[in-house]
N, C-alpha and C. Protein backbone atom coordinates (compact mmCIF):
# COMPACT_ATOMS: atom_id res chain seq x y z
N PHE A 1 4.69 9.32 1.70
CA PHE A 1 4.37 9.80 3.04
C PHE A 1 4.29 8.59 3.96
N ALA A 2 5.00 8.64 5.06
CA ALA A 2 4.99 7.53 6.01
C ALA A 2 4.63 8.03 7.40
N ASP A 3 3.87 7.25 8.10
CA ASP A 3 3.47 7.57 9.46
C ASP A 3 4.72 7.59 10.36
N PRO A 4 4.99 8.67 11.07
CA PRO A 4 6.20 8.74 11.90
C PRO A 4 6.20 7.76 13.07
N ASP A 5 5.05 7.18 13.41
CA ASP A 5 4.99 6.21 14.50
C ASP A 5 5.52 4.83 14.10
N HIS A 6 5.64 4.59 12.82
CA HIS A 6 6.13 3.29 12.38
C HIS A 6 7.60 3.16 12.76
N LYS A 7 7.95 2.05 13.36
CA LYS A 7 9.32 1.84 13.80
C LYS A 7 10.22 1.40 12.64
N ILE A 8 9.67 0.61 11.73
CA ILE A 8 10.44 0.13 10.59
C ILE A 8 9.59 0.27 9.33
N GLU A 9 10.15 0.88 8.32
CA GLU A 9 9.49 1.00 7.02
C GLU A 9 10.36 0.27 6.00
N TYR A 10 9.74 -0.49 5.12
CA TYR A 10 10.47 -1.22 4.09
C TYR A 10 10.06 -0.72 2.71
N SER A 11 11.03 -0.53 1.85
CA SER A 11 10.73 -0.22 0.46
C SER A 11 10.34 -1.52 -0.24
N LEU A 12 9.77 -1.40 -1.42
CA LEU A 12 9.40 -2.59 -2.18
C LEU A 12 10.64 -3.43 -2.49
N ALA A 13 11.73 -2.79 -2.84
CA ALA A 13 12.97 -3.52 -3.14
C ALA A 13 13.45 -4.30 -1.91
N GLU A 14 13.36 -3.69 -0.73
CA GLU A 14 13.77 -4.37 0.50
C GLU A 14 12.89 -5.58 0.78
N VAL A 15 11.59 -5.44 0.59
CA VAL A 15 10.67 -6.55 0.82
C VAL A 15 11.00 -7.70 -0.12
N LYS A 16 11.23 -7.39 -1.38
CA LYS A 16 11.57 -8.43 -2.35
C LYS A 16 12.86 -9.15 -1.95
N ASN A 17 13.86 -8.39 -1.53
CA ASN A 17 15.14 -8.99 -1.12
C ASN A 17 14.99 -9.86 0.12
N ILE A 18 14.17 -9.44 1.07
CA ILE A 18 13.95 -10.24 2.28
C ILE A 18 13.33 -11.59 1.93
N PHE A 19 12.31 -11.57 1.08
CA PHE A 19 11.67 -12.83 0.69
C PHE A 19 12.64 -13.72 -0.09
N LYS A 20 13.37 -13.11 -1.02
CA LYS A 20 14.31 -13.89 -1.84
C LYS A 20 15.38 -14.53 -0.96
N SER A 21 15.95 -13.76 -0.04
CA SER A 21 17.01 -14.31 0.81
C SER A 21 16.48 -15.37 1.78
N ALA A 22 15.19 -15.34 2.08
CA ALA A 22 14.58 -16.35 2.95
C ALA A 22 14.10 -17.57 2.16
N GLY A 23 14.29 -17.54 0.83
CA GLY A 23 13.93 -18.70 0.02
C GLY A 23 12.49 -18.73 -0.45
N PHE A 24 11.91 -17.55 -0.68
CA PHE A 24 10.54 -17.46 -1.15
C PHE A 24 10.47 -16.76 -2.50
N ASP A 25 9.50 -17.16 -3.32
CA ASP A 25 9.20 -16.50 -4.59
C ASP A 25 7.89 -15.74 -4.44
N ILE A 26 7.84 -14.56 -5.03
CA ILE A 26 6.61 -13.77 -5.01
C ILE A 26 5.71 -14.25 -6.13
N ILE A 27 4.50 -14.65 -5.78
CA ILE A 27 3.51 -15.13 -6.75
C ILE A 27 2.64 -13.97 -7.22
N SER A 28 2.26 -13.10 -6.30
CA SER A 28 1.40 -11.96 -6.61
C SER A 28 1.79 -10.79 -5.73
N LEU A 29 1.84 -9.60 -6.33
CA LEU A 29 2.17 -8.40 -5.58
C LEU A 29 1.24 -7.28 -6.05
N LYS A 30 0.44 -6.76 -5.13
CA LYS A 30 -0.52 -5.71 -5.47
C LYS A 30 -0.43 -4.58 -4.45
N PRO A 31 -0.67 -3.35 -4.89
CA PRO A 31 -0.66 -2.23 -3.94
C PRO A 31 -1.93 -2.24 -3.10
N VAL A 32 -1.87 -1.56 -1.95
CA VAL A 32 -3.05 -1.42 -1.09
C VAL A 32 -3.83 -0.19 -1.52
N THR A 33 -3.30 0.98 -1.26
CA THR A 33 -3.93 2.24 -1.66
C THR A 33 -2.88 3.33 -1.67
N TYR A 34 -3.15 4.41 -2.36
CA TYR A 34 -2.22 5.54 -2.46
C TYR A 34 -1.97 6.15 -1.09
N ASP A 35 -0.71 6.42 -0.78
CA ASP A 35 -0.32 7.02 0.49
C ASP A 35 -0.39 8.54 0.37
N SER A 36 -1.13 9.16 1.25
CA SER A 36 -1.35 10.61 1.16
C SER A 36 -1.27 11.26 2.54
N PRO A 37 -0.65 12.45 2.61
CA PRO A 37 -0.65 13.17 3.88
C PRO A 37 -2.04 13.74 4.21
N TRP A 38 -2.98 13.63 3.28
CA TRP A 38 -4.34 14.15 3.47
C TRP A 38 -5.29 13.13 4.08
N ILE A 39 -4.77 11.99 4.55
CA ILE A 39 -5.64 10.91 5.01
C ILE A 39 -6.60 11.35 6.12
N GLY A 40 -6.13 12.18 7.04
CA GLY A 40 -7.02 12.64 8.12
C GLY A 40 -8.19 13.45 7.59
N PHE A 41 -7.91 14.33 6.63
CA PHE A 41 -8.97 15.13 6.02
C PHE A 41 -9.93 14.25 5.22
N ILE A 42 -9.37 13.29 4.50
CA ILE A 42 -10.20 12.37 3.71
C ILE A 42 -11.12 11.56 4.64
N ASP A 43 -10.59 11.11 5.77
CA ASP A 43 -11.42 10.38 6.74
C ASP A 43 -12.52 11.26 7.30
N LEU A 44 -12.21 12.52 7.53
CA LEU A 44 -13.22 13.47 8.00
C LEU A 44 -14.34 13.62 6.96
N LEU A 45 -13.96 13.70 5.69
CA LEU A 45 -14.96 13.78 4.62
C LEU A 45 -15.88 12.56 4.64
N GLY A 46 -15.31 11.40 4.99
CA GLY A 46 -16.11 10.18 5.06
C GLY A 46 -17.22 10.27 6.09
N GLY A 47 -16.99 11.04 7.15
CA GLY A 47 -18.03 11.24 8.15
C GLY A 47 -19.15 12.13 7.66
N LEU A 48 -18.86 12.91 6.63
CA LEU A 48 -19.86 13.82 6.07
C LEU A 48 -20.55 13.25 4.84
N SER A 49 -19.79 12.50 4.03
CA SER A 49 -20.35 11.97 2.79
C SER A 49 -19.69 10.65 2.44
N LEU A 50 -20.41 9.56 2.63
CA LEU A 50 -19.86 8.25 2.27
C LEU A 50 -19.69 8.11 0.76
N ARG A 51 -20.55 8.76 0.00
CA ARG A 51 -20.43 8.71 -1.47
C ARG A 51 -19.11 9.35 -1.92
N LEU A 52 -18.80 10.53 -1.37
CA LEU A 52 -17.55 11.21 -1.72
C LEU A 52 -16.35 10.39 -1.25
N TYR A 53 -16.43 9.85 -0.04
CA TYR A 53 -15.35 9.03 0.50
C TYR A 53 -15.10 7.81 -0.40
N SER A 54 -16.17 7.19 -0.86
CA SER A 54 -16.05 6.03 -1.73
C SER A 54 -15.37 6.39 -3.05
N LYS A 55 -15.72 7.54 -3.61
CA LYS A 55 -15.10 7.99 -4.86
C LYS A 55 -13.61 8.26 -4.66
N ILE A 56 -13.27 8.90 -3.54
CA ILE A 56 -11.86 9.18 -3.25
C ILE A 56 -11.10 7.88 -3.04
N ALA A 57 -11.71 6.92 -2.36
CA ALA A 57 -11.06 5.62 -2.11
C ALA A 57 -10.77 4.90 -3.43
N LEU A 58 -11.70 4.95 -4.36
CA LEU A 58 -11.48 4.33 -5.68
C LEU A 58 -10.35 5.03 -6.42
N TYR A 59 -10.31 6.35 -6.33
CA TYR A 59 -9.24 7.14 -6.96
C TYR A 59 -7.88 6.75 -6.36
N LYS A 60 -7.82 6.66 -5.02
CA LYS A 60 -6.56 6.32 -4.35
C LYS A 60 -6.08 4.92 -4.73
N LYS A 61 -7.00 4.00 -4.86
CA LYS A 61 -6.64 2.63 -5.25
C LYS A 61 -6.09 2.61 -6.68
N ALA A 62 -6.74 3.34 -7.58
CA ALA A 62 -6.29 3.41 -8.97
C ALA A 62 -4.92 4.10 -9.05
N LYS A 63 -4.74 5.16 -8.29
CA LYS A 63 -3.46 5.89 -8.30
C LYS A 63 -2.32 5.00 -7.80
N ALA A 64 -2.57 4.20 -6.78
CA ALA A 64 -1.55 3.27 -6.29
C ALA A 64 -1.21 2.23 -7.35
N GLY A 65 -2.20 1.85 -8.14
CA GLY A 65 -1.96 0.89 -9.22
C GLY A 65 -1.08 1.45 -10.32
N GLN A 66 -1.10 2.77 -10.49
CA GLN A 66 -0.26 3.43 -11.50
C GLN A 66 1.20 3.51 -11.06
N ASN A 67 1.42 3.61 -9.75
CA ASN A 67 2.78 3.68 -9.21
C ASN A 67 2.81 2.93 -7.88
N ILE A 68 3.18 1.68 -7.93
CA ILE A 68 3.12 0.81 -6.75
C ILE A 68 4.00 1.34 -5.61
N ASN A 69 5.02 2.13 -5.94
CA ASN A 69 5.90 2.68 -4.90
C ASN A 69 5.22 3.76 -4.06
N GLU A 70 4.07 4.24 -4.49
CA GLU A 70 3.32 5.25 -3.74
C GLU A 70 2.21 4.62 -2.90
N SER A 71 2.24 3.32 -2.75
CA SER A 71 1.21 2.61 -1.98
C SER A 71 1.51 2.64 -0.48
N THR A 72 0.46 2.53 0.33
CA THR A 72 0.65 2.46 1.78
C THR A 72 1.25 1.12 2.19
N GLY A 73 1.16 0.15 1.33
CA GLY A 73 1.68 -1.18 1.62
C GLY A 73 1.42 -2.09 0.44
N PHE A 74 1.63 -3.36 0.65
CA PHE A 74 1.51 -4.32 -0.44
C PHE A 74 0.76 -5.56 0.02
N ARG A 75 -0.01 -6.13 -0.88
CA ARG A 75 -0.63 -7.44 -0.66
C ARG A 75 0.23 -8.43 -1.44
N ILE A 76 0.92 -9.28 -0.71
CA ILE A 76 1.90 -10.16 -1.34
C ILE A 76 1.56 -11.61 -1.04
N ILE A 77 1.56 -12.41 -2.09
CA ILE A 77 1.41 -13.86 -1.95
C ILE A 77 2.76 -14.46 -2.32
N ILE A 78 3.28 -15.31 -1.44
CA ILE A 78 4.59 -15.92 -1.68
C ILE A 78 4.48 -17.43 -1.56
N LYS A 79 5.50 -18.11 -2.11
CA LYS A 79 5.60 -19.56 -1.93
C LYS A 79 7.07 -19.90 -1.73
N LYS A 80 7.30 -20.98 -1.05
CA LYS A 80 8.67 -21.44 -0.81
C LYS A 80 9.28 -21.83 -2.15
N SER A 81 10.50 -21.36 -2.40
CA SER A 81 11.20 -21.69 -3.65
C SER A 81 11.45 -23.19 -3.72
N SER A 82 11.39 -23.74 -4.96
CA SER A 82 11.61 -25.17 -5.11
C SER A 82 13.08 -25.50 -5.15
């Protein structure tokens, strides 16, 4: 699920190719959180119960770790290739 307001969306493969072609190596690549069309509802729940919101946030983070392609984005550490 991608926000329609985003002007450019990159797949993980595209991100890797961009860094490689620019002369960078990926040192670490981690998902952010699971991408869901239910985000508005989940945020509303957070206003009612922080405990429930916290549990859902942990679930979403774990789910993104199971399939990095379902993440809202990536935390990437790169270095210039030698």
